[in-house]
């Protein structure tokens, strides 16, 4: 999730700010590429390039922060692509609003008008996508955990199904469901922090 946000938010802001320019087209091309690449192909590719050929990162297993880099990038690329497109679309809608033009007319710089005023108001759809995709990332990590031999809950769930350990399967599914519901609740609560109108209602 952190990899996705770090990559997606700047890309989406840059694409919306310079709409129709080379920056916009390049950012959206990167986003489309990220959406088109499946993680079961990207994971082994990253392992071959950065672990086997260059030797910068470990191939698999659990250890320090360096063991997290390849699995996190493999999982975060598709989510980052979706978030970048959503950030761009939502921010473009806000930039057309009269309050942005009024802020610019008062002498506020373009960067401040975009970041302080428009970006915060455009975050609700982005936060919604983050909340919805959290469950998908949690359950979709099975492939990535298998590729990088990471002992996560997705891999544990698959192994428990293979061994027909039904109590463990139920426990894993219950944990995933509770986590998903909790994240959606936090997403709803975040709406009130982002938009005072929701909080007052």
C-alpha atoms as a PDB file:
ATOM      1  CA  UNK A   1       0.000   0.000   0.000  1.00  0.00           C
ATOM      2  CA  UNK A   2       2.860   2.367   0.864  1.00  0.00           C
ATOM      3  CA  UNK A   3       4.612   1.671  -2.448  1.00  0.00           C
ATOM      4  CA  UNK A   4       1.361   2.284  -4.314  1.00  0.00           C
ATOM      5  CA  UNK A   5       0.679   5.606  -2.579  1.00  0.00           C
ATOM      6  CA  UNK A   6       4.244   6.887  -2.925  1.00  0.00           C
ATOM      7  CA  UNK A   7       4.196   6.170  -6.670  1.00  0.00           C
ATOM      8  CA  UNK A   8       0.564   6.946  -7.515  1.00  0.00           C
ATOM      9  CA  UNK A   9      -0.109  10.258  -5.770  1.00  0.00           C
ATOM     10  CA  UNK A  10       2.751  12.238  -7.383  1.00  0.00           C
ATOM     11  CA  UNK A  11       1.968  10.694 -10.773  1.00  0.00           C
ATOM     12  CA  UNK A  12      -1.722  11.572 -10.507  1.00  0.00           C
ATOM     13  CA  UNK A  13      -1.033  15.136  -9.322  1.00  0.00           C
ATOM     14  CA  UNK A  14       1.520  15.739 -12.072  1.00  0.00           C
ATOM     15  CA  UNK A  15      -0.800  14.329 -14.749  1.00  0.00           C
ATOM     16  CA  UNK A  16      -3.736  16.472 -13.595  1.00  0.00           C
ATOM     17  CA  UNK A  17      -1.688  19.649 -13.150  1.00  0.00           C
ATOM     18  CA  UNK A  18      -0.146  19.449 -16.626  1.00  0.00           C
ATOM     19  CA  UNK A  19      -3.147  17.946 -18.400  1.00  0.00           C
ATOM     20  CA  UNK A  20      -2.560  17.141 -22.063  1.00  0.00           C
ATOM     21  CA  UNK A  21       1.201  17.652 -21.817  1.00  0.00           C
ATOM     22  CA  UNK A  22       4.013  15.147 -22.182  1.00  0.00           C
ATOM     23  CA  UNK A  23       4.015  14.658 -18.393  1.00  0.00           C
ATOM     24  CA  UNK A  24       0.335  13.687 -18.485  1.00  0.00           C
ATOM     25  CA  UNK A  25       0.774  11.243 -21.360  1.00  0.00           C
ATOM     26  CA  UNK A  26       3.915   9.700 -19.829  1.00  0.00           C
ATOM     27  CA  UNK A  27       2.283   9.285 -16.394  1.00  0.00           C
ATOM     28  CA  UNK A  28      -0.821   7.664 -17.859  1.00  0.00           C
ATOM     29  CA  UNK A  29       1.302   5.405 -20.075  1.00  0.00           C
ATOM     30  CA  UNK A  30       3.149   4.227 -16.968  1.00  0.00           C
ATOM     31  CA  UNK A  31      -0.200   3.717 -15.218  1.00  0.00           C
ATOM     32  CA  UNK A  32      -1.605   1.686 -18.107  1.00  0.00           C
ATOM     33  CA  UNK A  33       1.538  -0.419 -18.175  1.00  0.00           C
ATOM     34  CA  UNK A  34       1.222  -1.068 -14.447  1.00  0.00           C
ATOM     35  CA  UNK A  35      -2.386  -2.182 -14.844  1.00  0.00           C
ATOM     36  CA  UNK A  36      -1.520  -4.475 -17.754  1.00  0.00           C
ATOM     37  CA  UNK A  37       1.333  -6.315 -16.006  1.00  0.00           C
ATOM     38  CA  UNK A  38       0.138  -9.232 -13.821  1.00  0.00           C
ATOM     39  CA  UNK A  39       2.026  -9.763 -10.561  1.00  0.00           C
ATOM     40  CA  UNK A  40       2.668 -13.453 -11.351  1.00  0.00           C
ATOM     41  CA  UNK A  41       4.813 -12.211 -14.270  1.00  0.00           C
ATOM     42  CA  UNK A  42       6.236  -9.092 -12.632  1.00  0.00           C
ATOM     43  CA  UNK A  43       7.382 -10.943  -9.493  1.00  0.00           C
ATOM     44  CA  UNK A  44       9.718 -13.414 -11.239  1.00  0.00           C
ATOM     45  CA  UNK A  45      10.944 -10.635 -13.562  1.00  0.00           C
ATOM     46  CA  UNK A  46      11.913  -8.455 -10.590  1.00  0.00           C
ATOM     47  CA  UNK A  47      13.605 -11.421  -8.923  1.00  0.00           C
ATOM     48  CA  UNK A  48      15.611 -12.222 -12.064  1.00  0.00           C
ATOM     49  CA  UNK A  49      16.733  -8.624 -12.645  1.00  0.00           C
ATOM     50  CA  UNK A  50      17.368  -7.280  -9.142  1.00  0.00           C
ATOM     51  CA  UNK A  51      18.226 -10.463  -7.245  1.00  0.00           C
ATOM     52  CA  UNK A  52      19.819 -12.879  -9.719  1.00  0.00           C
ATOM     53  CA  UNK A  53      21.442 -10.579 -12.296  1.00  0.00           C
ATOM     54  CA  UNK A  54      22.291  -7.483 -10.230  1.00  0.00           C
ATOM     55  CA  UNK A  55      22.460  -9.113  -6.802  1.00  0.00           C
ATOM     56  CA  UNK A  56      21.053  -6.030  -5.051  1.00  0.00           C
ATOM     57  CA  UNK A  57      18.222  -7.732  -3.174  1.00  0.00           C
ATOM     58  CA  UNK A  58      17.516 -11.217  -1.783  1.00  0.00           C
ATOM     59  CA  UNK A  59      15.537 -13.574  -3.994  1.00  0.00           C
ATOM     60  CA  UNK A  60      13.138 -14.888  -1.385  1.00  0.00           C
ATOM     61  CA  UNK A  61      12.519 -15.541   2.278  1.00  0.00           C
ATOM     62  CA  UNK A  62      11.830 -13.376   5.274  1.00  0.00           C
ATOM     63  CA  UNK A  63      14.362 -11.128   6.941  1.00  0.00           C
ATOM     64  CA  UNK A  64      15.084  -7.425   7.008  1.00  0.00           C
ATOM     65  CA  UNK A  65      13.625  -4.542   5.029  1.00  0.00           C
ATOM     66  CA  UNK A  66      15.508  -5.638   1.908  1.00  0.00           C
ATOM     67  CA  UNK A  67      13.426  -8.833   1.813  1.00  0.00           C
ATOM     68  CA  UNK A  68      10.263  -6.711   1.615  1.00  0.00           C
ATOM     69  CA  UNK A  69      11.245  -4.593  -1.388  1.00  0.00           C
ATOM     70  CA  UNK A  70      10.574  -7.006  -4.258  1.00  0.00           C
ATOM     71  CA  UNK A  71       7.265  -8.413  -2.907  1.00  0.00           C
ATOM     72  CA  UNK A  72       6.015  -4.911  -2.056  1.00  0.00           C
ATOM     73  CA  UNK A  73       6.854  -3.543  -5.494  1.00  0.00           C
ATOM     74  CA  UNK A  74       5.326  -6.580  -7.178  1.00  0.00           C
ATOM     75  CA  UNK A  75       2.052  -6.097  -5.277  1.00  0.00           C
ATOM     76  CA  UNK A  76       2.069  -2.303  -5.370  1.00  0.00           C
ATOM     77  CA  UNK A  77       2.519  -1.698  -9.101  1.00  0.00           C
ATOM     78  CA  UNK A  78      -1.038  -2.603 -10.184  1.00  0.00           C
ATOM     79  CA  UNK A  79      -2.584  -0.726  -7.264  1.00  0.00           C
ATOM     80  CA  UNK A  80      -0.374   2.294  -7.969  1.00  0.00           C
ATOM     81  CA  UNK A  81      -1.559   2.351 -11.572  1.00  0.00           C
ATOM     82  CA  UNK A  82      -5.215   2.335 -10.515  1.00  0.00           C
ATOM     83  CA  UNK A  83      -4.638   4.981  -7.834  1.00  0.00           C
ATOM     84  CA  UNK A  84      -2.748   7.246 -10.239  1.00  0.00           C
ATOM     85  CA  UNK A  85      -5.627   7.208 -12.711  1.00  0.00           C
ATOM     86  CA  UNK A  86      -8.171   7.833  -9.958  1.00  0.00           C
ATOM     87  CA  UNK A  87      -6.089  10.668  -8.473  1.00  0.00           C
ATOM     88  CA  UNK A  88      -5.803  12.317 -11.872  1.00  0.00           C
ATOM     89  CA  UNK A  89      -9.525  12.030 -12.665  1.00  0.00           C
ATOM     90  CA  UNK A  90     -10.639  13.246  -9.242  1.00  0.00           C
ATOM     91  CA  UNK A  91      -8.159  16.130  -9.155  1.00  0.00           C
ATOM     92  CA  UNK A  92      -9.153  17.263 -12.653  1.00  0.00           C
ATOM     93  CA  UNK A  93     -12.768  17.567 -11.494  1.00  0.00           C
ATOM     94  CA  UNK A  94     -11.723  19.692  -8.531  1.00  0.00           C
ATOM     95  CA  UNK A  95      -9.460  21.923 -10.613  1.00  0.00           C
ATOM     96  CA  UNK A  96     -12.507  22.917 -12.696  1.00  0.00           C
ATOM     97  CA  UNK A  97     -14.372  24.146  -9.604  1.00  0.00           C
ATOM     98  CA  UNK A  98     -14.850  27.918  -9.067  1.00  0.00           C
ATOM     99  CA  UNK A  99     -13.097  27.932  -5.679  1.00  0.00           C
ATOM    100  CA  UNK A 100      -9.801  27.004  -7.345  1.00  0.00           C
ATOM    101  CA  UNK A 101     -10.103  29.938  -9.757  1.00  0.00           C
ATOM    102  CA  UNK A 102     -11.046  32.168  -6.815  1.00  0.00           C
ATOM    103  CA  UNK A 103      -7.954  31.014  -4.916  1.00  0.00           C
ATOM    104  CA  UNK A 104      -5.761  31.789  -7.918  1.00  0.00           C
ATOM    105  CA  UNK A 105      -7.437  35.205  -8.259  1.00  0.00           C
ATOM    106  CA  UNK A 106      -6.523  35.997  -4.641  1.00  0.00           C
ATOM    107  CA  UNK A 107      -2.879  35.560  -5.560  1.00  0.00           C
ATOM    108  CA  UNK A 108      -2.321  32.022  -4.270  1.00  0.00           C
ATOM    109  CA  UNK A 109       0.349  30.190  -6.227  1.00  0.00           C
ATOM    110  CA  UNK A 110      -0.659  27.401  -8.580  1.00  0.00           C
ATOM    111  CA  UNK A 111       1.141  24.744  -6.526  1.00  0.00           C
ATOM    112  CA  UNK A 112      -0.602  25.858  -3.310  1.00  0.00           C
ATOM    113  CA  UNK A 113      -3.993  25.976  -5.013  1.00  0.00           C
ATOM    114  CA  UNK A 114      -3.505  22.442  -6.321  1.00  0.00           C
ATOM    115  CA  UNK A 115      -1.992  20.816  -3.214  1.00  0.00           C
ATOM    116  CA  UNK A 116      -3.719  22.640  -0.363  1.00  0.00           C
ATOM    117  CA  UNK A 117      -7.142  23.339  -1.847  1.00  0.00           C
ATOM    118  CA  UNK A 118      -7.938  20.961  -4.712  1.00  0.00           C
ATOM    119  CA  UNK A 119      -5.995  17.859  -3.707  1.00  0.00           C
ATOM    120  CA  UNK A 120      -7.578  17.456  -0.285  1.00  0.00           C
ATOM    121  CA  UNK A 121     -11.070  17.705  -1.762  1.00  0.00           C
ATOM    122  CA  UNK A 122     -10.196  15.125  -4.403  1.00  0.00           C
ATOM    123  CA  UNK A 123      -9.046  12.526  -1.875  1.00  0.00           C
ATOM    124  CA  UNK A 124     -12.421  10.904  -1.103  1.00  0.00           C
ATOM    125  CA  UNK A 125     -12.542   8.722  -4.281  1.00  0.00           C
ATOM    126  CA  UNK A 126      -8.849   7.887  -3.792  1.00  0.00           C
ATOM    127  CA  UNK A 127      -9.407   6.816  -0.176  1.00  0.00           C
ATOM    128  CA  UNK A 128     -12.392   4.732  -1.316  1.00  0.00           C
ATOM    129  CA  UNK A 129     -10.236   2.877  -3.839  1.00  0.00           C
ATOM    130  CA  UNK A 130      -7.538   2.378  -1.190  1.00  0.00           C
ATOM    131  CA  UNK A 131     -10.036   0.844   1.203  1.00  0.00           C
ATOM    132  CA  UNK A 132     -11.539  -1.436  -1.408  1.00  0.00           C
ATOM    133  CA  UNK A 133      -8.191  -2.552  -2.762  1.00  0.00           C
ATOM    134  CA  UNK A 134      -6.790  -3.327   0.678  1.00  0.00           C
ATOM    135  CA  UNK A 135      -8.785  -6.552   0.786  1.00  0.00           C
ATOM    136  CA  UNK A 136      -7.777  -7.387  -2.769  1.00  0.00           C
ATOM    137  CA  UNK A 137      -4.113  -6.865  -1.910  1.00  0.00           C
ATOM    138  CA  UNK A 138      -4.490  -8.964   1.230  1.00  0.00           C
ATOM    139  CA  UNK A 139      -6.028 -11.911  -0.615  1.00  0.00           C
ATOM    140  CA  UNK A 140      -4.113 -11.363  -3.870  1.00  0.00           C
ATOM    141  CA  UNK A 141      -0.800 -11.632  -2.053  1.00  0.00           C
ATOM    142  CA  UNK A 142      -1.015 -15.432  -2.270  1.00  0.00           C
ATOM    143  CA  UNK A 143       0.790 -15.489  -5.636  1.00  0.00           C
ATOM    144  CA  UNK A 144       3.421 -12.991  -4.532  1.00  0.00           C
ATOM    145  CA  UNK A 145       4.023 -14.815  -1.243  1.00  0.00           C
ATOM    146  CA  UNK A 146       4.461 -18.067  -3.152  1.00  0.00           C
ATOM    147  CA  UNK A 147       6.890 -16.539  -5.658  1.00  0.00           C
ATOM    148  CA  UNK A 148       9.068 -14.931  -2.985  1.00  0.00           C
ATOM    149  CA  UNK A 149       8.601 -17.690  -0.349  1.00  0.00           C
ATOM    150  CA  UNK A 150       7.212 -15.145   2.091  1.00  0.00           C
ATOM    151  CA  UNK A 151       5.409 -16.768   5.066  1.00  0.00           C
ATOM    152  CA  UNK A 152       2.246 -14.674   4.897  1.00  0.00           C
ATOM    153  CA  UNK A 153      -1.420 -15.343   5.585  1.00  0.00           C
ATOM    154  CA  UNK A 154      -2.232 -15.976   1.916  1.00  0.00           C
ATOM    155  CA  UNK A 155       0.375 -18.690   1.607  1.00  0.00           C
ATOM    156  CA  UNK A 156      -0.718 -20.153   4.949  1.00  0.00           C
ATOM    157  CA  UNK A 157      -4.311 -20.277   3.686  1.00  0.00           C
ATOM    158  CA  UNK A 158      -3.303 -22.160   0.528  1.00  0.00           C
ATOM    159  CA  UNK A 159      -1.178 -24.622   2.506  1.00  0.00           C
ATOM    160  CA  UNK A 160      -3.969 -25.234   5.024  1.00  0.00           C
ATOM    161  CA  UNK A 161      -6.384 -25.959   2.148  1.00  0.00           C
ATOM    162  CA  UNK A 162      -3.891 -28.464   0.732  1.00  0.00           C
ATOM    163  CA  UNK A 163      -3.534 -30.188   4.120  1.00  0.00           C
ATOM    164  CA  UNK A 164      -7.316 -29.997   4.712  1.00  0.00           C
ATOM    165  CA  UNK A 165      -6.754 -28.194   7.993  1.00  0.00           C
ATOM    166  CA  UNK A 166     -10.284 -26.766   8.135  1.00  0.00           C
ATOM    167  CA  UNK A 167      -9.998 -24.885  11.465  1.00  0.00           C
ATOM    168  CA  UNK A 168      -6.932 -23.061  10.129  1.00  0.00           C
ATOM    169  CA  UNK A 169      -8.738 -22.271   6.854  1.00  0.00           C
ATOM    170  CA  UNK A 170     -11.664 -20.841   8.809  1.00  0.00           C
ATOM    171  CA  UNK A 171      -9.322 -18.823  11.015  1.00  0.00           C
ATOM    172  CA  UNK A 172      -7.498 -17.324   8.015  1.00  0.00           C
ATOM    173  CA  UNK A 173     -10.739 -16.431   6.243  1.00  0.00           C
ATOM    174  CA  UNK A 174     -12.159 -14.916   9.432  1.00  0.00           C
ATOM    175  CA  UNK A 175      -9.032 -12.808   9.944  1.00  0.00           C
ATOM    176  CA  UNK A 176      -9.122 -11.575   6.329  1.00  0.00           C
ATOM    177  CA  UNK A 177     -12.837 -10.756   6.594  1.00  0.00           C
ATOM    178  CA  UNK A 178     -12.459  -8.884   9.899  1.00  0.00           C
ATOM    179  CA  UNK A 179      -9.485  -6.933   8.545  1.00  0.00           C
ATOM    180  CA  UNK A 180     -11.414  -6.032   5.398  1.00  0.00           C
ATOM    181  CA  UNK A 181     -14.433  -4.830   7.393  1.00  0.00           C
ATOM    182  CA  UNK A 182     -12.201  -2.840   9.776  1.00  0.00           C
ATOM    183  CA  UNK A 183     -10.415  -1.125   6.895  1.00  0.00           C
ATOM    184  CA  UNK A 184     -13.736  -0.203   5.282  1.00  0.00           C
ATOM    185  CA  UNK A 185     -14.916   1.246   8.607  1.00  0.00           C
ATOM    186  CA  UNK A 186     -11.728   3.320   8.871  1.00  0.00           C
ATOM    187  CA  UNK A 187     -12.290   4.457   5.283  1.00  0.00           C
ATOM    188  CA  UNK A 188     -15.783   5.696   6.159  1.00  0.00           C
ATOM    189  CA  UNK A 189     -14.423   7.507   9.220  1.00  0.00           C
ATOM    190  CA  UNK A 190     -11.717   9.111   7.093  1.00  0.00           C
ATOM    191  CA  UNK A 191     -14.408  10.742   4.937  1.00  0.00           C
ATOM    192  CA  UNK A 192     -15.357  12.956   7.863  1.00  0.00           C
ATOM    193  CA  UNK A 193     -11.753  14.053   8.344  1.00  0.00           C
ATOM    194  CA  UNK A 194     -11.332  14.870   4.665  1.00  0.00           C
ATOM    195  CA  UNK A 195     -14.672  16.622   4.100  1.00  0.00           C
ATOM    196  CA  UNK A 196     -16.132  18.720   6.958  1.00  0.00           C
ATOM    197  CA  UNK A 197     -19.574  18.623   5.295  1.00  0.00           C
ATOM    198  CA  UNK A 198     -19.786  14.882   5.942  1.00  0.00           C
ATOM    199  CA  UNK A 199     -18.721  15.364   9.556  1.00  0.00           C
ATOM    200  CA  UNK A 200     -21.323  18.053  10.191  1.00  0.00           C
ATOM    201  CA  UNK A 201     -24.083  15.944   8.670  1.00  0.00           C
END
